[in-house]
PDB file of N, CA and C in Angstrom:
ATOM      1  N   MET A   1      82.830 105.011 288.291  1.00  0.00           N
ATOM      2  CA  MET A   1      83.212 104.523 286.497  1.00  0.00           C
ATOM      3  C   MET A   1      81.952 105.788 285.819  1.00  0.00           C
ATOM      4  N   ALA A   2      80.707 105.813 285.778  1.00  0.00           N
ATOM      5  CA  ALA A   2      79.927 106.931 285.061  1.00  0.00           C
ATOM      6  C   ALA A   2      80.731 108.062 284.630  1.00  0.00           C
ATOM      7  N   ALA A   3      81.361 108.538 286.180  1.00  0.00           N
ATOM      8  CA  ALA A   3      81.499 110.225 285.723  1.00  0.00           C
ATOM      9  C   ALA A   3      82.762 109.889 285.006  1.00  0.00           C
ATOM     10  N   LEU A   4      83.784 108.580 285.171  1.00  0.00           N
ATOM     11  CA  LEU A   4      85.013 109.273 284.463  1.00  0.00           C
ATOM     12  C   LEU A   4      84.421 108.789 283.189  1.00  0.00           C
ATOM     13  N   VAL A   5      83.903 108.492 282.754  1.00  0.00           N
ATOM     14  CA  VAL A   5      83.449 107.766 281.269  1.00  0.00           C
ATOM     15  C   VAL A   5      83.076 109.105 280.693  1.00  0.00           C
ATOM     16  N   ALA A   6      81.909 109.589 281.682  1.00  0.00           N
ATOM     17  CA  ALA A   6      81.098 110.585 280.924  1.00  0.00           C
ATOM     18  C   ALA A   6      82.481 111.873 280.653  1.00  0.00           C
ATOM     19  N   ARG A   7      83.247 111.732 281.237  1.00  0.00           N
ATOM     20  CA  ARG A   7      84.192 112.816 281.111  1.00  0.00           C
ATOM     21  C   ARG A   7      84.859 112.832 280.270  1.00  0.00           C
ATOM     22  N   HIS A   8      85.769 111.967 280.236  1.00  0.00           N
ATOM     23  CA  HIS A   8      86.809 111.515 279.268  1.00  0.00           C
ATOM     24  C   HIS A   8      85.940 111.309 277.664  1.00  0.00           C
ATOM     25  N   TYR A   9      84.947 110.774 277.477  1.00  0.00           N
ATOM     26  CA  TYR A   9      84.496 110.408 276.336  1.00  0.00           C
ATOM     27  C   TYR A   9      83.280 110.808 275.605  1.00  0.00           C
ATOM     28  N   GLY A  10      82.473 112.514 276.480  1.00  0.00           N
ATOM     29  CA  GLY A  10      82.086 113.198 276.522  1.00  0.00           C
ATOM     30  C   GLY A  10      80.753 112.807 275.981  1.00  0.00           C
ATOM     31  N   ILE A  11      80.333 111.893 276.945  1.00  0.00           N
ATOM     32  CA  ILE A  11      79.056 111.255 276.871  1.00  0.00           C
ATOM     33  C   ILE A  11      77.763 111.473 277.943  1.00  0.00           C
ATOM     34  N   ALA A  12      76.741 111.648 278.042  1.00  0.00           N
ATOM     35  CA  ALA A  12      75.615 112.433 278.770  1.00  0.00           C
ATOM     36  C   ALA A  12      76.246 111.000 280.093  1.00  0.00           C
ATOM     37  N   ARG A  13      75.978 111.956 281.389  1.00  0.00           N
ATOM     38  CA  ARG A  13      75.980 110.593 282.355  1.00  0.00           C
ATOM     39  C   ARG A  13      74.332 109.740 282.486  1.00  0.00           C
ATOM     40  N   ASP A  14      73.702 110.482 282.095  1.00  0.00           N
ATOM     41  CA  ASP A  14      72.045 109.788 281.959  1.00  0.00           C
ATOM     42  C   ASP A  14      72.014 108.668 280.575  1.00  0.00           C
ATOM     43  N   ALA A  15      73.579 108.812 279.557  1.00  0.00           N
ATOM     44  CA  ALA A  15      73.431 107.707 279.176  1.00  0.00           C
ATOM     45  C   ALA A  15      73.907 106.377 279.458  1.00  0.00           C
ATOM     46  N   LEU A  16      74.687 106.697 280.858  1.00  0.00           N
ATOM     47  CA  LEU A  16      75.732 105.489 281.089  1.00  0.00           C
ATOM     48  C   LEU A  16      74.328 104.960 282.262  1.00  0.00           C
ATOM     49  N   THR A  17      73.612 104.247 281.828  1.00  0.00           N
ATOM     50  CA  THR A  17      72.363 103.565 282.605  1.00  0.00           C
ATOM     51  C   THR A  17      73.226 102.434 283.071  1.00  0.00           C
ATOM     52  N   MET A  18      73.621 101.741 282.536  1.00  0.00           N
ATOM     53  CA  MET A  18      74.381 100.618 283.018  1.00  0.00           C
ATOM     54  C   MET A  18      75.442 100.192 284.310  1.00  0.00           C
ATOM     55  N   TYR A  19      75.723 101.658 284.888  1.00  0.00           N
ATOM     56  CA  TYR A  19      76.093 102.027 286.102  1.00  0.00           C
ATOM     57  C   TYR A  19      75.450 102.453 287.060  1.00  0.00           C
ATOM     58  N   SER A  20      74.125 103.036 286.865  1.00  0.00           N
ATOM     59  CA  SER A  20      72.710 103.232 287.853  1.00  0.00           C
ATOM     60  C   SER A  20      72.175 102.056 287.851  1.00  0.00           C
ATOM     61  N   PHE A  21      71.891 102.300 289.375  1.00  0.00           N
ATOM     62  CA  PHE A  21      70.673 101.234 289.948  1.00  0.00           C
ATOM     63  C   PHE A  21      69.798 101.522 291.215  1.00  0.00           C
ATOM     64  N   PRO A  22      69.032 102.232 289.953  1.00  0.00           N
ATOM     65  CA  PRO A  22      67.925 102.774 291.036  1.00  0.00           C
ATOM     66  C   PRO A  22      66.809 101.798 291.334  1.00  0.00           C
ATOM     67  N   GLN A  23      66.414 100.939 290.698  1.00  0.00           N
ATOM     68  CA  GLN A  23      65.593  99.672 291.593  1.00  0.00           C
ATOM     69  C   GLN A  23      66.192  99.148 292.989  1.00  0.00           C
ATOM     70  N   LEU A  24      67.414  99.153 293.170  1.00  0.00           N
ATOM     71  CA  LEU A  24      67.954  99.305 294.550  1.00  0.00           C
ATOM     72  C   LEU A  24      68.568 100.511 295.255  1.00  0.00           C
ATOM     73  N   PRO A  25      67.570 100.439 295.922  1.00  0.00           N
ATOM     74  CA  PRO A  25      67.510 101.296 297.630  1.00  0.00           C
ATOM     75  C   PRO A  25      69.018 101.276 298.058  1.00  0.00           C
ATOM     76  N   LYS A  26      69.350 100.227 298.616  1.00  0.00           N
ATOM     77  CA  LYS A  26      70.663 100.079 298.790  1.00  0.00           C
ATOM     78  C   LYS A  26      71.655  98.984 298.431  1.00  0.00           C
ATOM     79  N   PRO A  27      72.448  99.501 297.338  1.00  0.00           N
ATOM     80  CA  PRO A  27      73.181  98.409 296.054  1.00  0.00           C
ATOM     81  C   PRO A  27      74.151  97.984 297.358  1.00  0.00           C
ATOM     82  N   LYS A  28      74.821  98.488 298.187  1.00  0.00           N
ATOM     83  CA  LYS A  28      75.899  97.534 299.220  1.00  0.00           C
ATOM     84  C   LYS A  28      75.108  96.154 299.919  1.00  0.00           C
ATOM     85  N   VAL A  29      74.112  96.235 300.026  1.00  0.00           N
ATOM     86  CA  VAL A  29      72.811  95.309 301.144  1.00  0.00           C
ATOM     87  C   VAL A  29      72.980  94.039 299.526  1.00  0.00           C
ATOM     88  N   PHE A  30      72.768  94.386 298.185  1.00  0.00           N
ATOM     89  CA  PHE A  30      72.726  93.384 297.921  1.00  0.00           C
ATOM     90  C   PHE A  30      73.704  93.113 297.384  1.00  0.00           C
ATOM     91  N   LYS A  31      74.660  93.468 297.074  1.00  0.00           N
ATOM     92  CA  LYS A  31      76.258  93.422 296.434  1.00  0.00           C
ATOM     93  C   LYS A  31      76.348  92.426 297.930  1.00  0.00           C
ATOM     94  N   ASP A  32      76.206  92.554 298.798  1.00  0.00           N
ATOM     95  CA  ASP A  32      76.949  91.525 300.574  1.00  0.00           C
ATOM     96  C   ASP A  32      76.058  90.238 299.686  1.00  0.00           C
ATOM     97  N   GLY A  33      74.466  89.828 299.757  1.00  0.00           N
ATOM     98  CA  GLY A  33      74.476  89.294 299.762  1.00  0.00           C
ATOM     99  C   GLY A  33      74.020  88.418 297.930  1.00  0.00           C
ATOM    100  N   TYR A  34      74.718  89.058 297.278  1.00  0.00           N
ATOM    101  CA  TYR A  34      74.810  88.828 295.569  1.00  0.00           C
ATOM    102  C   TYR A  34      75.337  86.837 295.786  1.00  0.00           C
ATOM    103  N   PRO A  35      76.423  87.032 296.213  1.00  0.00           N
ATOM    104  CA  PRO A  35      77.240  86.051 296.622  1.00  0.00           C
ATOM    105  C   PRO A  35      76.811  84.617 296.555  1.00  0.00           C
ATOM    106  N   GLU A  36      75.713  84.633 297.808  1.00  0.00           N
ATOM    107  CA  GLU A  36      74.886  83.846 298.103  1.00  0.00           C
ATOM    108  C   GLU A  36      73.831  83.557 297.296  1.00  0.00           C
ATOM    109  N   LEU A  37      73.136  84.422 296.208  1.00  0.00           N
ATOM    110  CA  LEU A  37      72.103  84.213 295.761  1.00  0.00           C
ATOM    111  C   LEU A  37      73.191  83.476 294.696  1.00  0.00           C
ATOM    112  N   LEU A  38      73.864  83.302 294.058  1.00  0.00           N
ATOM    113  CA  LEU A  38      74.519  83.390 292.921  1.00  0.00           C
ATOM    114  C   LEU A  38      74.738  81.169 293.144  1.00  0.00           C
ATOM    115  N   ASP A  39      75.201  81.047 294.600  1.00  0.00           N
ATOM    116  CA  ASP A  39      75.325  79.943 295.266  1.00  0.00           C
ATOM    117  C   ASP A  39      74.384  78.971 295.188  1.00  0.00           C
ATOM    118  N   ARG A  40      72.763  79.697 295.431  1.00  0.00           N
ATOM    119  CA  ARG A  40      71.708  79.208 295.427  1.00  0.00           C
ATOM    120  C   ARG A  40      70.733  78.944 294.367  1.00  0.00           C
ATOM    121  N   ALA A  41      71.685  79.331 292.985  1.00  0.00           N
ATOM    122  CA  ALA A  41      71.048  79.606 292.138  1.00  0.00           C
ATOM    123  C   ALA A  41      70.522  78.553 291.373  1.00  0.00           C
ATOM    124  N   PRO A  42      69.829  77.740 290.247  1.00  0.00           N
ATOM    125  CA  PRO A  42      69.003  76.459 290.390  1.00  0.00           C
ATOM    126  C   PRO A  42      70.048  76.552 288.690  1.00  0.00           C
ATOM    127  N   LEU A  43      71.263  76.300 288.692  1.00  0.00           N
ATOM    128  CA  LEU A  43      71.767  76.511 287.193  1.00  0.00           C
ATOM    129  C   LEU A  43      72.484  74.966 287.679  1.00  0.00           C
ATOM    130  N   SER A  44      72.311  74.073 285.618  1.00  0.00           N
ATOM    131  CA  SER A  44      73.566  72.932 285.590  1.00  0.00           C
ATOM    132  C   SER A  44      74.734  73.555 285.371  1.00  0.00           C
ATOM    133  N   GLU A  45      75.778  72.472 285.981  1.00  0.00           N
ATOM    134  CA  GLU A  45      77.019  72.421 285.942  1.00  0.00           C
ATOM    135  C   GLU A  45      77.573  73.611 284.897  1.00  0.00           C
ATOM    136  N   GLU A  46      76.933  73.085 283.270  1.00  0.00           N
ATOM    137  CA  GLU A  46      76.989  74.021 282.471  1.00  0.00           C
ATOM    138  C   GLU A  46      76.623  75.191 281.916  1.00  0.00           C
ATOM    139  N   GLN A  47      75.515  75.378 282.848  1.00  0.00           N
ATOM    140  CA  GLN A  47      75.314  76.572 283.251  1.00  0.00           C
ATOM    141  C   GLN A  47      76.252  77.267 283.719  1.00  0.00           C
ATOM    142  N   ARG A  48      76.167  77.427 284.925  1.00  0.00           N
ATOM    143  CA  ARG A  48      77.366  77.761 286.434  1.00  0.00           C
ATOM    144  C   ARG A  48      78.727  78.211 285.318  1.00  0.00           C
ATOM    145  N   GLU A  49      79.445  77.400 284.002  1.00  0.00           N
ATOM    146  CA  GLU A  49      80.809  77.479 283.709  1.00  0.00           C
ATOM    147  C   GLU A  49      80.130  78.383 282.754  1.00  0.00           C
ATOM    148  N   ALA A  50      79.350  79.286 282.343  1.00  0.00           N
ATOM    149  CA  ALA A  50      78.748  79.644 281.402  1.00  0.00           C
ATOM    150  C   ALA A  50      79.124  80.761 281.716  1.00  0.00           C
ATOM    151  N   LEU A  51      77.952  80.834 283.094  1.00  0.00           N
ATOM    152  CA  LEU A  51      77.755  82.632 283.554  1.00  0.00           C
ATOM    153  C   LEU A  51      79.560  83.249 284.037  1.00  0.00           C
ATOM    154  N   ILE A  52      80.381  81.866 284.614  1.00  0.00           N
ATOM    155  CA  ILE A  52      80.974  82.073 285.617  1.00  0.00           C
ATOM    156  C   ILE A  52      82.578  82.643 283.836  1.00  0.00           C
ATOM    157  N   ASP A  53      82.278  82.114 282.409  1.00  0.00           N
ATOM    158  CA  ASP A  53      82.886  82.708 282.000  1.00  0.00           C
ATOM    159  C   ASP A  53      81.852  83.755 281.117  1.00  0.00           C
ATOM    160  N   GLU A  54      80.919  84.434 281.332  1.00  0.00           N
ATOM    161  CA  GLU A  54      80.453  85.283 280.957  1.00  0.00           C
ATOM    162  C   GLU A  54      81.490  86.769 282.319  1.00  0.00           C
ATOM    163  N   ALA A  55      80.590  86.569 283.004  1.00  0.00           N
ATOM    164  CA  ALA A  55      81.134  87.214 284.481  1.00  0.00           C
ATOM    165  C   ALA A  55      83.126  87.701 284.295  1.00  0.00           C
ATOM    166  N   MET A  56      84.220  86.605 283.681  1.00  0.00           N
ATOM    167  CA  MET A  56      85.643  87.055 283.620  1.00  0.00           C
ATOM    168  C   MET A  56      85.467  87.893 282.476  1.00  0.00           C
ATOM    169  N   GLU A  57      84.616  87.459 281.451  1.00  0.00           N
ATOM    170  CA  GLU A  57      84.666  88.221 280.255  1.00  0.00           C
ATOM    171  C   GLU A  57      84.376  89.621 280.895  1.00  0.00           C
ATOM    172  N   GLY A  58      83.546  89.950 281.424  1.00  0.00           N
ATOM    173  CA  GLY A  58      82.714  91.488 282.169  1.00  0.00           C
ATOM    174  C   GLY A  58      83.887  91.977 282.989  1.00  0.00           C
ATOM    175  N   PHE A  59      84.990  91.488 283.724  1.00  0.00           N
ATOM    176  CA  PHE A  59      86.010  91.636 284.420  1.00  0.00           C
ATOM    177  C   PHE A  59      86.636  92.400 283.867  1.00  0.00           C
ATOM    178  N   ARG A  60      87.172  91.527 282.754  1.00  0.00           N
ATOM    179  CA  ARG A  60      88.478  91.556 281.755  1.00  0.00           C
ATOM    180  C   ARG A  60      88.046  93.063 280.709  1.00  0.00           C
ATOM    181  N   ILE A  61      86.688  93.336 279.853  1.00  0.00           N
ATOM    182  CA  ILE A  61      86.201  94.186 279.538  1.00  0.00           C
ATOM    183  C   ILE A  61      85.982  95.873 280.626  1.00  0.00           C
ATOM    184  N   ASN A  62      85.864  95.539 281.947  1.00  0.00           N
ATOM    185  CA  ASN A  62      85.911  96.496 282.093  1.00  0.00           C
ATOM    186  C   ASN A  62      87.295  96.874 282.863  1.00  0.00           C
ATOM    187  N   ALA A  63      88.257  95.756 283.196  1.00  0.00           N
ATOM    188  CA  ALA A  63      89.753  96.434 283.355  1.00  0.00           C
ATOM    189  C   ALA A  63      89.879  96.546 282.124  1.00  0.00           C
ATOM    190  N   ALA A  64      90.074  96.443 280.947  1.00  0.00           N
ATOM    191  CA  ALA A  64      90.571  97.437 280.147  1.00  0.00           C
ATOM    192  C   ALA A  64      90.309  98.934 280.019  1.00  0.00           C
ATOM    193  N   LEU A  65      88.836  99.036 280.201  1.00  0.00           N
ATOM    194  CA  LEU A  65      88.700 100.613 280.320  1.00  0.00           C
ATOM    195  C   LEU A  65      89.212 101.371 281.302  1.00  0.00           C
ATOM    196  N   PHE A  66      88.642 100.471 282.721  1.00  0.00           N
ATOM    197  CA  PHE A  66      89.995 101.304 283.580  1.00  0.00           C
ATOM    198  C   PHE A  66      91.013 101.541 283.395  1.00  0.00           C
ATOM    199  N   ALA A  67      92.184 100.973 282.237  1.00  0.00           N
ATOM    200  CA  ALA A  67      93.458 100.751 281.480  1.00  0.00           C
ATOM    201  C   ALA A  67      93.623 101.574 280.322  1.00  0.00           C
ATOM    202  N   GLN A  68      92.367 102.364 279.990  1.00  0.00           N
ATOM    203  CA  GLN A  68      92.309 103.324 279.000  1.00  0.00           C
ATOM    204  C   GLN A  68      92.659 104.663 279.630  1.00  0.00           C
ATOM    205  N   LEU A  69      91.015 104.487 280.767  1.00  0.00           N
ATOM    206  CA  LEU A  69      90.403 106.021 280.827  1.00  0.00           C
ATOM    207  C   LEU A  69      91.951 106.012 282.005  1.00  0.00           C
ATOM    208  N   GLY A  70      92.420 105.494 282.478  1.00  0.00           N
ATOM    209  CA  GLY A  70      93.849 105.864 283.233  1.00  0.00           C
ATOM    210  C   GLY A  70      94.731 106.348 282.175  1.00  0.00           C
ATOM    211  N   GLU A  71      94.934 105.739 281.342  1.00  0.00           N
ATOM    212  CA  GLU A  71      96.157 106.360 280.628  1.00  0.00           C
ATOM    213  C   GLU A  71      96.086 107.257 279.357  1.00  0.00           C
ATOM    214  N   GLN A  72      95.054 107.980 279.759  1.00  0.00           N
ATOM    215  CA  GLN A  72      93.927 108.829 279.053  1.00  0.00           C
ATOM    216  C   GLN A  72      94.216 110.229 280.618  1.00  0.00           C
ATOM    217  N   ASP A  73      93.949 109.730 281.183  1.00  0.00           N
ATOM    218  CA  ASP A  73      94.064 110.769 282.811  1.00  0.00           C
ATOM    219  C   ASP A  73      95.892 111.364 282.956  1.00  0.00           C
ATOM    220  N   GLY A  74      96.737 110.157 282.248  1.00  0.00           N
ATOM    221  CA  GLY A  74      97.806 110.163 282.657  1.00  0.00           C
ATOM    222  C   GLY A  74      98.415 109.438 284.711  1.00  0.00           C
ATOM    223  N   CYS A  75      97.508 108.460 284.978  1.00  0.00           N
ATOM    224  CA  CYS A  75      97.773 107.612 285.708  1.00  0.00           C
ATOM    225  C   CYS A  75      98.816 106.561 285.233  1.00  0.00           C
ATOM    226  N   LEU A  76      98.622 106.252 284.335  1.00  0.00           N
ATOM    227  CA  LEU A  76      99.374 104.805 283.968  1.00  0.00           C
ATOM    228  C   LEU A  76     100.380 105.119 283.703  1.00  0.00           C
TER     229      LEU A  76
END
């Protein structure tokens, strides 16, 4: 994702740190265990709903970004 954004928008890769997770030596291991961490999080129902709403908004924004990049790249 960072490479696509950098190429299409002319942004330096080091400015796209939201796609970099150097503190996670094995991101896949973390990603695979993340659902369990969320399930065990001590959140109220209201907090869970807010978390889900934020996640859905993040997915929506990322999908829009992918769509825009695809249009610019002639993929869509």
